[in-house]
């Protein structure tokens, strides 16, 4: 198990996103819908964004914009993941350990002053590795 570590995102990352109707609960179906609208998945970088709003978690399934892509062409919303400092932690074989995501974010939050105005980030680095990142104030 890897330990949390600081990571600095040095550029804004432009994403095309679909809002999950039931927060993280329907994230899988939302990613399926997002992927189905793309002409190809080859070379794509996928992200999950979440933020607590009131008593509910708002969740977006996202893909990084390639070149001059227009999010509205696909029926997506554009969201910019802002540059800045994040605490991160990895989950290996994430499909078998998806239930660990909330506890890993809780662990990061317990040790850091997290910026709740920004999104928590799931970066799907590969089919085996998921990087969780929480924005630090």
C-alpha atoms as a PDB file:
ATOM      1  CA  UNK A   1       0.000   0.000   0.000  1.00  0.00           C
ATOM      2  CA  UNK A   2       1.368   3.382  -0.995  1.00  0.00           C
ATOM      3  CA  UNK A   3       1.407   6.255   1.469  1.00  0.00           C
ATOM      4  CA  UNK A   4      -0.141   9.659   0.738  1.00  0.00           C
ATOM      5  CA  UNK A   5       2.089  12.224  -0.886  1.00  0.00           C
ATOM      6  CA  UNK A   6       1.921  15.773  -2.160  1.00  0.00           C
ATOM      7  CA  UNK A   7       1.588  16.413  -5.841  1.00  0.00           C
ATOM      8  CA  UNK A   8       1.550  19.706  -7.714  1.00  0.00           C
ATOM      9  CA  UNK A   9      -0.565  19.975 -10.855  1.00  0.00           C
ATOM     10  CA  UNK A  10       1.280  22.683 -12.769  1.00  0.00           C
ATOM     11  CA  UNK A  11      -1.297  23.412 -15.503  1.00  0.00           C
ATOM     12  CA  UNK A  12      -5.075  23.642 -15.628  1.00  0.00           C
ATOM     13  CA  UNK A  13      -6.563  20.466 -17.111  1.00  0.00           C
ATOM     14  CA  UNK A  14      -9.549  20.963 -19.407  1.00  0.00           C
ATOM     15  CA  UNK A  15     -12.118  18.168 -19.078  1.00  0.00           C
ATOM     16  CA  UNK A  16     -15.329  17.147 -20.820  1.00  0.00           C
ATOM     17  CA  UNK A  17     -17.776  15.830 -18.238  1.00  0.00           C
ATOM     18  CA  UNK A  18     -21.165  14.244 -17.653  1.00  0.00           C
ATOM     19  CA  UNK A  19     -22.938  14.719 -14.338  1.00  0.00           C
ATOM     20  CA  UNK A  20     -23.878  11.494 -12.617  1.00  0.00           C
ATOM     21  CA  UNK A  21     -27.609  11.645 -11.745  1.00  0.00           C
ATOM     22  CA  UNK A  22     -27.201   9.841  -8.413  1.00  0.00           C
ATOM     23  CA  UNK A  23     -23.732  10.998  -7.391  1.00  0.00           C
ATOM     24  CA  UNK A  24     -21.042   8.329  -7.028  1.00  0.00           C
ATOM     25  CA  UNK A  25     -23.669   5.572  -6.882  1.00  0.00           C
ATOM     26  CA  UNK A  26     -24.319   5.837 -10.635  1.00  0.00           C
ATOM     27  CA  UNK A  27     -20.721   6.706 -11.611  1.00  0.00           C
ATOM     28  CA  UNK A  28     -20.190   3.456 -13.531  1.00  0.00           C
ATOM     29  CA  UNK A  29     -23.249   4.003 -15.709  1.00  0.00           C
ATOM     30  CA  UNK A  30     -22.246   7.624 -16.258  1.00  0.00           C
ATOM     31  CA  UNK A  31     -18.757   6.582 -17.391  1.00  0.00           C
ATOM     32  CA  UNK A  32     -20.348   4.044 -19.760  1.00  0.00           C
ATOM     33  CA  UNK A  33     -22.475   6.818 -21.272  1.00  0.00           C
ATOM     34  CA  UNK A  34     -19.470   9.163 -21.533  1.00  0.00           C
ATOM     35  CA  UNK A  35     -17.354   6.511 -23.245  1.00  0.00           C
ATOM     36  CA  UNK A  36     -20.147   5.594 -25.670  1.00  0.00           C
ATOM     37  CA  UNK A  37     -20.183   9.143 -27.068  1.00  0.00           C
ATOM     38  CA  UNK A  38     -16.451   9.225 -27.850  1.00  0.00           C
ATOM     39  CA  UNK A  39     -15.219   8.135 -31.289  1.00  0.00           C
ATOM     40  CA  UNK A  40     -12.331   6.202 -29.662  1.00  0.00           C
ATOM     41  CA  UNK A  41     -11.015   5.502 -26.158  1.00  0.00           C
ATOM     42  CA  UNK A  42      -7.413   5.080 -27.338  1.00  0.00           C
ATOM     43  CA  UNK A  43      -5.035   7.435 -25.541  1.00  0.00           C
ATOM     44  CA  UNK A  44      -7.823   8.965 -23.437  1.00  0.00           C
ATOM     45  CA  UNK A  45      -7.341  10.058 -19.815  1.00  0.00           C
ATOM     46  CA  UNK A  46     -10.368   9.602 -17.543  1.00  0.00           C
ATOM     47  CA  UNK A  47     -11.228  11.413 -14.323  1.00  0.00           C
ATOM     48  CA  UNK A  48     -13.956  11.353 -11.710  1.00  0.00           C
ATOM     49  CA  UNK A  49     -14.701  14.628  -9.927  1.00  0.00           C
ATOM     50  CA  UNK A  50     -16.695  14.864  -6.713  1.00  0.00           C
ATOM     51  CA  UNK A  51     -17.708  17.613  -4.351  1.00  0.00           C
ATOM     52  CA  UNK A  52     -19.982  17.715  -1.308  1.00  0.00           C
ATOM     53  CA  UNK A  53     -22.830  20.150  -1.949  1.00  0.00           C
ATOM     54  CA  UNK A  54     -25.240  20.361   0.959  1.00  0.00           C
ATOM     55  CA  UNK A  55     -25.993  16.795   2.025  1.00  0.00           C
ATOM     56  CA  UNK A  56     -25.247  15.293  -1.390  1.00  0.00           C
ATOM     57  CA  UNK A  57     -22.124  14.432  -3.337  1.00  0.00           C
ATOM     58  CA  UNK A  58     -22.084  15.824  -6.859  1.00  0.00           C
ATOM     59  CA  UNK A  59     -20.132  13.543  -9.188  1.00  0.00           C
ATOM     60  CA  UNK A  60     -18.890  13.999 -12.755  1.00  0.00           C
ATOM     61  CA  UNK A  61     -17.425  11.359 -15.067  1.00  0.00           C
ATOM     62  CA  UNK A  62     -14.829  13.135 -17.215  1.00  0.00           C
ATOM     63  CA  UNK A  63     -12.336  12.731 -20.013  1.00  0.00           C
ATOM     64  CA  UNK A  64      -9.423  15.050 -20.760  1.00  0.00           C
ATOM     65  CA  UNK A  65      -9.944  17.264 -23.802  1.00  0.00           C
ATOM     66  CA  UNK A  66      -7.726  16.348 -26.746  1.00  0.00           C
ATOM     67  CA  UNK A  67      -6.625  19.156 -29.038  1.00  0.00           C
ATOM     68  CA  UNK A  68      -9.430  21.523 -29.961  1.00  0.00           C
ATOM     69  CA  UNK A  69     -12.330  19.253 -28.969  1.00  0.00           C
ATOM     70  CA  UNK A  70     -15.563  21.027 -28.091  1.00  0.00           C
ATOM     71  CA  UNK A  71     -17.379  19.514 -25.095  1.00  0.00           C
ATOM     72  CA  UNK A  72     -20.769  20.703 -26.366  1.00  0.00           C
ATOM     73  CA  UNK A  73     -20.298  18.705 -29.598  1.00  0.00           C
ATOM     74  CA  UNK A  74     -20.520  15.542 -27.498  1.00  0.00           C
ATOM     75  CA  UNK A  75     -23.244  16.863 -25.187  1.00  0.00           C
ATOM     76  CA  UNK A  76     -20.722  17.237 -22.341  1.00  0.00           C
ATOM     77  CA  UNK A  77     -20.084  20.007 -19.849  1.00  0.00           C
ATOM     78  CA  UNK A  78     -16.600  21.540 -19.740  1.00  0.00           C
ATOM     79  CA  UNK A  79     -14.903  21.686 -16.339  1.00  0.00           C
ATOM     80  CA  UNK A  80     -11.367  22.864 -15.676  1.00  0.00           C
ATOM     81  CA  UNK A  81      -9.373  20.993 -13.054  1.00  0.00           C
ATOM     82  CA  UNK A  82      -7.302  23.859 -11.620  1.00  0.00           C
ATOM     83  CA  UNK A  83      -3.587  23.702 -11.157  1.00  0.00           C
ATOM     84  CA  UNK A  84      -2.454  23.598  -7.567  1.00  0.00           C
ATOM     85  CA  UNK A  85      -1.340  21.366  -4.742  1.00  0.00           C
ATOM     86  CA  UNK A  86      -3.033  18.046  -4.082  1.00  0.00           C
ATOM     87  CA  UNK A  87      -2.464  15.240  -1.633  1.00  0.00           C
ATOM     88  CA  UNK A  88      -2.634  11.934  -3.449  1.00  0.00           C
ATOM     89  CA  UNK A  89      -2.886   8.248  -2.789  1.00  0.00           C
ATOM     90  CA  UNK A  90      -3.027   5.287  -5.169  1.00  0.00           C
ATOM     91  CA  UNK A  91      -5.312   2.281  -5.246  1.00  0.00           C
ATOM     92  CA  UNK A  92      -3.967  -0.685  -7.208  1.00  0.00           C
ATOM     93  CA  UNK A  93      -6.401  -3.092  -8.857  1.00  0.00           C
ATOM     94  CA  UNK A  94      -9.013  -0.410  -8.243  1.00  0.00           C
ATOM     95  CA  UNK A  95     -11.907  -2.297  -9.837  1.00  0.00           C
ATOM     96  CA  UNK A  96     -11.604  -4.845  -7.026  1.00  0.00           C
ATOM     97  CA  UNK A  97     -11.201  -2.130  -4.388  1.00  0.00           C
ATOM     98  CA  UNK A  98     -13.617   0.616  -5.478  1.00  0.00           C
ATOM     99  CA  UNK A  99     -15.132   0.509  -1.989  1.00  0.00           C
ATOM    100  CA  UNK A 100     -11.837   1.945  -0.632  1.00  0.00           C
ATOM    101  CA  UNK A 101     -12.283   5.320  -2.342  1.00  0.00           C
ATOM    102  CA  UNK A 102     -14.279   7.026   0.470  1.00  0.00           C
ATOM    103  CA  UNK A 103     -11.943   5.796   3.230  1.00  0.00           C
ATOM    104  CA  UNK A 104      -8.850   6.874   1.269  1.00  0.00           C
ATOM    105  CA  UNK A 105     -10.274  10.369   0.781  1.00  0.00           C
ATOM    106  CA  UNK A 106     -11.190  10.464   4.494  1.00  0.00           C
ATOM    107  CA  UNK A 107      -7.611   9.494   5.342  1.00  0.00           C
ATOM    108  CA  UNK A 108      -6.199  12.290   3.184  1.00  0.00           C
ATOM    109  CA  UNK A 109      -8.658  14.783   4.669  1.00  0.00           C
ATOM    110  CA  UNK A 110      -7.790  13.807   8.249  1.00  0.00           C
ATOM    111  CA  UNK A 111      -4.158  14.821   7.677  1.00  0.00           C
ATOM    112  CA  UNK A 112      -4.600  17.961   5.559  1.00  0.00           C
ATOM    113  CA  UNK A 113      -6.478  21.220   5.262  1.00  0.00           C
ATOM    114  CA  UNK A 114      -8.541  20.356   2.174  1.00  0.00           C
ATOM    115  CA  UNK A 115     -10.056  23.035  -0.064  1.00  0.00           C
ATOM    116  CA  UNK A 116     -13.730  22.030  -0.138  1.00  0.00           C
ATOM    117  CA  UNK A 117     -14.492  24.608  -2.841  1.00  0.00           C
ATOM    118  CA  UNK A 118     -12.604  22.451  -5.359  1.00  0.00           C
ATOM    119  CA  UNK A 119     -13.285  18.945  -6.600  1.00  0.00           C
ATOM    120  CA  UNK A 120     -11.827  15.765  -5.180  1.00  0.00           C
ATOM    121  CA  UNK A 121     -10.244  13.926  -8.104  1.00  0.00           C
ATOM    122  CA  UNK A 122     -10.087  10.319  -9.208  1.00  0.00           C
ATOM    123  CA  UNK A 123      -7.517   9.947 -11.993  1.00  0.00           C
ATOM    124  CA  UNK A 124      -7.796   6.603 -13.746  1.00  0.00           C
ATOM    125  CA  UNK A 125      -4.122   6.254 -14.643  1.00  0.00           C
ATOM    126  CA  UNK A 126      -4.605   2.747 -16.043  1.00  0.00           C
ATOM    127  CA  UNK A 127      -6.936  -0.217 -15.802  1.00  0.00           C
ATOM    128  CA  UNK A 128      -4.934  -1.233 -12.725  1.00  0.00           C
ATOM    129  CA  UNK A 129      -4.055   2.069 -11.006  1.00  0.00           C
ATOM    130  CA  UNK A 130      -6.342   4.771  -9.667  1.00  0.00           C
ATOM    131  CA  UNK A 131      -4.831   7.965  -8.258  1.00  0.00           C
ATOM    132  CA  UNK A 132      -6.981   9.837  -5.717  1.00  0.00           C
ATOM    133  CA  UNK A 133      -6.211  13.534  -5.238  1.00  0.00           C
ATOM    134  CA  UNK A 134      -7.653  16.006  -2.749  1.00  0.00           C
ATOM    135  CA  UNK A 135      -6.993  19.760  -3.219  1.00  0.00           C
ATOM    136  CA  UNK A 136      -4.932  21.303  -0.405  1.00  0.00           C
ATOM    137  CA  UNK A 137      -5.434  24.873   0.852  1.00  0.00           C
END
